Amino acid sequence: MLKTFIQEREGKPPAGDFGAFERDLRSKMAEVERDLVAEELERLDVDAPVVLIDGVPHRRVLRCEETYLSAAGPVRVERTLYSTRRDGERAVSALELRAGIVEKYWTPLAAEQAVFMVAHMTPQESEALCAKLGHMQPSKSSLDRLPKQLGGEWEAQRESFEKTVRAGDIVPVEAVTVAVSLDGVLVPMRDGGREEKRARTSAEGRPASGPAGYQEVGCGTVSFYDAAGERLSTVKIGRMPEFKKSTLKKILAEELGAALGQRPELKLVTVADGANDNWDFLHGALPCRRAPQRRLGPPRMAKGP
């Protein structure tokens, strides 16, 4: 297809509508990419009476076609399904396991691009961007589901994943200061129980104050600075609402502990607003401080009687 397109261009005058030429060329290139992706996926399939998956025998039950979404658009391939034939157990595809298909639909690159988009835009905006780019065109609902599905899998193995990621983090050579910050922001929650909270407040005879149906999302950072005070890098962490941000605090402590393990001479700076709970953590629960500590933020308010 692409070769034919190139041959057809030979000897012809320049394109009158260059934008149309670009779109046509991208379409042809995407078609070639889809063909190659489909061919490579089929090469990853295994068609045998029995295969071992994690040491467990699985027997062949079916060969059928399936559509996957690649970065160039949908591709349809034939693959083999296997099962242990235990009641209630779903069949698995060796092709999907070997290729790293995400959520039984996305190729690795397509999933990576989609997650990046929805991390910066809404699923609806991401859908519109994909349509404009003209290659893969997932639906808004698919874009909405993907990060939730991956988030659930990440959360189930979070500590192991974070340990692996942390092991590859290197403190910048120029760093002389590490800053740990902790904060939170109120966001409207779909299941925030706004009406119930309003009704309860009214029944108790108390005036309504603050945004009902909102909860505090936790956010924290571990940043490294050079001698001139220029930021070199930052690890950013966010967590959904949780009592006293307990998981977020644990992660921040582990990140700082790993950094001080590499560079124990780093000066520690802690950053927060005046919330007592933030400072109880920053002053009392962080790893052993090996250098003088500075505190940035409003003066800590004394608790009342």
Protein backbone atom coordinates (compact mmCIF):
# COMPACT_ATOMS: atom_id res chain seq x y z
CA MET A 1 0.00 0.00 0.00
CA LEU A 2 2.70 2.50 0.97
CA LYS A 3 4.86 1.49 -2.01
CA THR A 4 1.91 2.06 -4.34
CA PHE A 5 1.29 5.45 -2.75
CA ILE A 6 4.92 6.47 -3.33
CA GLN A 7 4.88 5.24 -6.92
CA GLU A 8 1.70 7.17 -7.62
CA ARG A 9 3.39 10.37 -6.43
CA GLU A 10 6.31 10.04 -8.84
CA GLY A 11 6.16 12.48 -11.73
CA LYS A 12 3.12 14.29 -10.36
CA PRO A 13 3.03 18.01 -9.49
CA PRO A 14 3.19 19.05 -5.80
CA ALA A 15 0.07 18.47 -3.76
CA GLY A 16 -2.51 21.21 -4.13
CA ASP A 17 -3.88 20.58 -0.64
CA PHE A 18 -0.86 19.78 1.48
CA GLY A 19 -2.95 19.11 4.59
CA ALA A 20 -4.91 16.45 2.69
CA PHE A 21 -1.61 14.96 1.49
CA GLU A 22 -0.35 14.74 5.09
CA ARG A 23 -3.53 13.06 6.29
CA ASP A 24 -3.45 10.59 3.39
CA LEU A 25 0.20 9.77 4.04
CA ARG A 26 -0.39 9.24 7.76
CA SER A 27 -3.31 6.96 6.95
CA LYS A 28 -1.16 4.84 4.64
CA MET A 29 1.66 4.69 7.18
CA ALA A 30 -0.78 3.64 9.90
CA GLU A 31 -2.12 0.89 7.67
CA VAL A 32 1.39 -0.47 7.17
CA GLU A 33 2.03 -0.26 10.91
CA ARG A 34 -1.19 -2.13 11.70
CA ASP A 35 -0.29 -4.91 9.25
CA LEU A 36 3.16 -5.31 10.81
CA VAL A 37 1.78 -5.24 14.36
CA ALA A 38 -0.81 -7.90 13.50
CA GLU A 39 1.83 -10.07 11.86
CA GLU A 40 4.15 -9.80 14.86
CA LEU A 41 1.32 -10.55 17.29
CA GLU A 42 0.41 -13.71 15.41
CA ARG A 43 4.04 -14.82 15.63
CA LEU A 44 3.72 -14.64 19.42
CA ASP A 45 0.79 -17.04 19.49
CA VAL A 46 1.31 -20.62 20.64
CA ASP A 47 -0.82 -23.39 19.15
CA ALA A 48 -0.18 -26.62 21.04
CA PRO A 49 -2.31 -29.21 22.83
CA VAL A 50 -0.89 -28.26 26.25
CA VAL A 51 1.19 -25.32 27.53
CA LEU A 52 2.64 -24.56 30.95
CA ILE A 53 1.70 -21.14 32.39
CA ASP A 54 3.45 -20.41 35.69
CA GLY A 55 4.12 -24.12 35.93
CA VAL A 56 0.44 -25.06 35.61
CA PRO A 57 -0.70 -27.18 32.60
CA HIS A 58 -3.29 -25.45 30.42
CA ARG A 59 -5.05 -27.29 27.61
CA ARG A 60 -6.04 -25.83 24.27
CA VAL A 61 -9.77 -25.10 24.11
CA LEU A 62 -10.30 -22.76 21.13
CA ARG A 63 -8.73 -20.85 18.26
CA CYS A 64 -10.52 -17.65 17.30
CA GLU A 65 -9.97 -14.09 16.15
CA GLU A 66 -9.67 -11.13 18.49
CA THR A 67 -9.28 -7.38 18.00
CA TYR A 68 -6.60 -5.45 19.89
CA LEU A 69 -5.98 -1.73 19.90
CA SER A 70 -2.49 -0.72 18.80
CA ALA A 71 -1.05 2.79 18.67
CA ALA A 72 -1.81 2.73 14.93
CA GLY A 73 -5.38 1.57 15.38
CA PRO A 74 -7.25 -1.74 15.73
CA VAL A 75 -5.66 -4.98 14.57
CA ARG A 76 -7.42 -8.33 14.28
CA VAL A 77 -5.49 -11.55 14.77
CA GLU A 78 -6.17 -15.22 15.33
CA ARG A 79 -4.99 -16.64 18.62
CA THR A 80 -5.31 -19.77 20.75
CA LEU A 81 -7.06 -19.94 24.10
CA TYR A 82 -6.05 -22.28 26.90
CA SER A 83 -7.70 -23.35 30.13
CA THR A 84 -7.09 -25.54 33.16
CA ARG A 85 -10.77 -26.46 32.72
CA ARG A 86 -11.52 -25.71 36.33
CA ASP A 87 -15.02 -24.45 37.03
CA GLY A 88 -15.32 -20.68 36.77
CA GLU A 89 -11.80 -20.13 35.47
CA ARG A 90 -11.44 -17.98 32.36
CA ALA A 91 -9.44 -19.09 29.36
CA VAL A 92 -6.13 -17.35 28.77
CA SER A 93 -4.23 -16.41 25.63
CA ALA A 94 -0.53 -17.19 25.35
CA LEU A 95 -0.29 -14.43 22.74
CA GLU A 96 -1.60 -11.84 25.19
CA LEU A 97 0.76 -12.98 27.92
CA ARG A 98 3.82 -12.97 25.64
CA ALA A 99 2.97 -9.63 24.03
CA GLY A 100 2.07 -7.90 27.29
CA ILE A 101 -1.44 -7.04 26.14
CA VAL A 102 -3.00 -4.72 28.72
CA GLU A 103 -6.49 -5.51 29.99
CA LYS A 104 -6.99 -7.97 27.11
CA TYR A 105 -7.31 -5.10 24.62
CA TRP A 106 -4.44 -2.59 24.52
CA THR A 107 -1.00 -3.23 23.08
CA PRO A 108 1.74 -1.96 25.45
CA LEU A 109 2.46 1.22 23.45
CA ALA A 110 -1.22 2.03 22.99
CA ALA A 111 -1.85 1.62 26.74
CA GLU A 112 1.17 3.77 27.59
CA GLN A 113 -0.02 6.57 25.30
CA ALA A 114 -3.61 6.36 26.55
CA VAL A 115 -2.63 6.48 30.22
CA PHE A 116 -0.38 9.48 29.56
CA MET A 117 -3.25 11.31 27.90
CA VAL A 118 -5.81 10.68 30.63
CA ALA A 119 -3.23 11.67 33.23
CA HIS A 120 -3.20 15.15 31.68
CA MET A 121 -6.71 15.46 30.22
CA THR A 122 -10.20 14.13 30.80
CA PRO A 123 -11.22 10.94 28.97
CA GLN A 124 -13.48 13.05 26.74
CA GLU A 125 -10.61 15.38 25.81
CA SER A 126 -8.34 12.39 25.24
CA GLU A 127 -10.92 10.84 22.93
CA ALA A 128 -11.04 14.07 20.93
CA LEU A 129 -7.24 14.22 20.72
CA CYS A 130 -7.04 10.63 19.45
CA ALA A 131 -9.64 11.42 16.80
CA LYS A 132 -7.62 14.45 15.73
CA LEU A 133 -4.39 12.44 15.54
CA GLY A 134 -6.20 9.89 13.43
CA HIS A 135 -4.57 6.61 14.47
CA MET A 136 -5.94 4.74 17.47
CA GLN A 137 -9.38 6.02 18.37
CA PRO A 138 -10.50 4.50 21.68
CA SER A 139 -13.85 5.45 23.13
CA LYS A 140 -14.22 7.78 26.09
CA SER A 141 -15.45 4.89 28.22
CA SER A 142 -12.39 2.77 27.32
CA LEU A 143 -10.11 5.66 28.21
CA ASP A 144 -11.96 6.09 31.50
CA ARG A 145 -11.72 2.40 32.41
CA LEU A 146 -8.04 1.87 31.59
CA PRO A 147 -6.41 3.91 34.41
CA LYS A 148 -8.93 2.54 36.91
CA GLN A 149 -8.14 -1.02 35.92
CA LEU A 150 -4.39 -0.41 36.02
CA GLY A 151 -4.74 1.48 39.28
CA GLY A 152 -6.44 -1.49 40.88
CA GLU A 153 -3.66 -3.82 39.76
CA TRP A 154 -1.00 -1.36 40.91
CA GLU A 155 -2.64 -0.99 44.33
CA ALA A 156 -2.78 -4.75 44.80
CA GLN A 157 1.02 -4.96 44.38
CA ARG A 158 1.90 -1.38 45.24
CA GLU A 159 4.63 -2.05 47.79
CA SER A 160 6.46 -4.46 45.49
CA PHE A 161 6.17 -2.14 42.48
CA GLU A 162 7.28 0.92 44.43
CA LYS A 163 10.28 -0.95 45.82
CA THR A 164 11.32 -1.89 42.28
CA VAL A 165 10.90 1.67 40.99
CA ARG A 166 12.70 3.11 44.01
CA ALA A 167 15.65 0.78 43.50
CA GLY A 168 16.29 2.42 40.13
CA ASP A 169 16.11 6.01 41.39
CA ILE A 170 19.47 7.76 41.68
CA VAL A 171 19.89 10.91 43.76
CA PRO A 172 21.37 13.63 41.50
CA VAL A 173 25.11 14.02 42.03
CA GLU A 174 24.74 17.81 42.41
CA ALA A 175 22.10 17.50 45.15
CA VAL A 176 22.91 19.02 48.56
CA THR A 177 19.33 19.34 49.89
CA VAL A 178 16.33 17.04 49.96
CA ALA A 179 12.92 18.62 50.59
CA VAL A 180 9.88 16.65 51.73
CA SER A 181 6.46 18.28 51.38
CA LEU A 182 3.02 17.13 52.49
CA ASP A 183 -0.35 18.69 51.72
CA GLY A 184 -3.91 17.94 50.73
CA VAL A 185 -6.63 19.39 48.57
CA LEU A 186 -10.41 19.07 48.86
CA VAL A 187 -12.05 17.55 45.81
CA PRO A 188 -15.69 16.67 45.08
CA MET A 189 -16.30 12.94 45.37
CA ARG A 190 -18.93 11.06 43.41
CA ASP A 191 -19.75 9.02 46.52
CA GLY A 192 -19.07 11.87 48.95
CA GLY A 193 -22.55 11.67 50.51
CA ARG A 194 -23.25 15.38 50.13
CA GLU A 195 -26.99 15.24 50.77
CA GLU A 196 -26.59 12.87 53.73
CA LYS A 197 -23.99 15.14 55.33
CA ARG A 198 -26.14 18.22 54.83
CA ALA A 199 -29.15 16.45 56.35
CA ARG A 200 -27.14 15.22 59.33
CA THR A 201 -25.74 18.69 59.98
CA SER A 202 -29.22 20.19 59.82
CA ALA A 203 -30.67 17.52 62.13
CA GLU A 204 -27.94 18.25 64.68
CA GLY A 205 -28.82 21.92 64.58
CA ARG A 206 -25.39 22.96 63.38
CA PRO A 207 -24.80 25.54 60.65
CA ALA A 208 -23.41 24.12 57.43
CA SER A 209 -19.75 24.96 56.88
CA GLY A 210 -17.31 23.87 54.22
CA PRO A 211 -18.09 21.99 51.02
CA ALA A 212 -20.21 18.93 51.75
CA GLY A 213 -19.40 15.91 49.62
CA TYR A 214 -15.73 16.87 49.39
CA GLN A 215 -12.83 14.84 50.75
CA GLU A 216 -9.13 15.56 51.07
CA VAL A 217 -6.82 14.05 48.47
CA GLY A 218 -3.28 13.69 49.79
CA CYS A 219 -0.26 14.89 47.85
CA GLY A 220 3.43 14.90 48.67
CA THR A 221 6.83 15.37 47.06
CA VAL A 222 10.46 14.51 47.61
CA SER A 223 12.65 17.03 45.77
CA PHE A 224 16.39 17.46 45.35
CA TYR A 225 18.16 20.84 45.08
CA ASP A 226 21.69 21.89 44.24
CA ALA A 227 23.86 24.36 46.17
CA ALA A 228 22.32 27.30 44.29
CA GLY A 229 18.80 26.27 45.28
CA GLU A 230 17.84 25.03 41.81
CA ARG A 231 15.50 22.07 41.79
CA LEU A 232 17.08 19.04 40.12
CA SER A 233 14.31 16.42 40.28
CA THR A 234 11.10 15.59 42.12
CA VAL A 235 9.22 12.44 43.04
CA LYS A 236 5.52 13.31 43.09
CA ILE A 237 3.00 11.18 44.98
CA GLY A 238 -0.78 11.46 45.14
CA ARG A 239 -3.30 9.37 47.04
CA MET A 240 -7.07 9.26 47.17
CA PRO A 241 -8.73 10.29 50.45
CA GLU A 242 -7.54 8.24 53.41
CA PHE A 243 -7.65 8.83 57.16
CA LYS A 244 -4.66 10.99 58.15
CA LYS A 245 -3.01 10.24 54.76
CA SER A 246 -1.44 7.15 56.34
CA THR A 247 -0.33 5.43 53.12
CA LEU A 248 1.00 8.67 51.62
CA LYS A 249 3.07 9.31 54.74
CA LYS A 250 4.49 5.79 54.63
CA ILE A 251 5.51 6.24 51.00
CA LEU A 252 7.14 9.62 51.70
CA ALA A 253 9.12 8.12 54.57
CA GLU A 254 10.29 5.25 52.37
CA GLU A 255 11.30 7.63 49.56
CA LEU A 256 13.29 9.77 51.97
CA GLY A 257 14.86 6.72 53.60
CA ALA A 258 16.04 5.49 50.20
CA ALA A 259 17.50 8.91 49.36
CA LEU A 260 19.34 9.20 52.67
CA GLY A 261 20.57 5.64 52.23
CA GLN A 262 22.36 6.81 49.10
CA ARG A 263 23.36 10.24 50.35
CA PRO A 264 23.27 10.50 54.17
CA GLU A 265 24.89 13.97 54.08
CA LEU A 266 21.89 15.60 52.39
CA LYS A 267 20.35 18.52 54.28
CA LEU A 268 16.67 17.87 55.01
CA VAL A 269 14.03 20.56 54.54
CA THR A 270 10.36 19.92 55.33
CA VAL A 271 7.58 21.93 53.70
CA ALA A 272 3.90 22.16 54.66
CA ASP A 273 1.17 24.57 55.66
CA GLY A 274 0.09 25.04 59.26
CA ALA A 275 -1.90 21.80 59.67
CA ASN A 276 -0.78 20.12 62.88
CA ASP A 277 -1.11 16.62 61.46
CA ASN A 278 1.33 17.44 58.66
CA TRP A 279 3.96 18.64 61.11
CA ASP A 280 3.41 15.76 63.52
CA PHE A 281 4.51 13.54 60.65
CA LEU A 282 7.28 15.73 59.24
CA HIS A 283 8.81 16.27 62.68
CA GLY A 284 8.25 12.89 64.22
CA ALA A 285 7.88 10.08 61.71
CA LEU A 286 10.48 10.68 58.99
CA PRO A 287 13.68 8.60 58.86
CA CYS A 288 16.63 9.55 61.06
CA ARG A 289 17.87 13.02 60.23
CA ARG A 290 21.57 13.14 59.54
CA ALA A 291 21.85 16.91 59.05
CA PRO A 292 20.27 20.08 60.45
CA GLN A 293 16.62 20.45 59.48
CA ARG A 294 14.81 23.55 58.32
CA ARG A 295 11.10 24.04 58.40
CA LEU A 296 9.26 25.99 55.70
CA GLY A 297 5.63 26.97 56.22
CA PRO A 298 3.42 29.03 58.50
CA PRO A 299 4.17 28.98 62.24
CA ARG A 300 2.65 25.99 63.94
CA MET A 301 -0.51 26.89 65.80
CA ALA A 302 -0.75 25.84 69.42
CA LYS A 303 -3.63 23.48 70.19
CA GLY A 304 -6.38 24.84 72.40
CA PRO A 305 -7.24 23.45 75.83
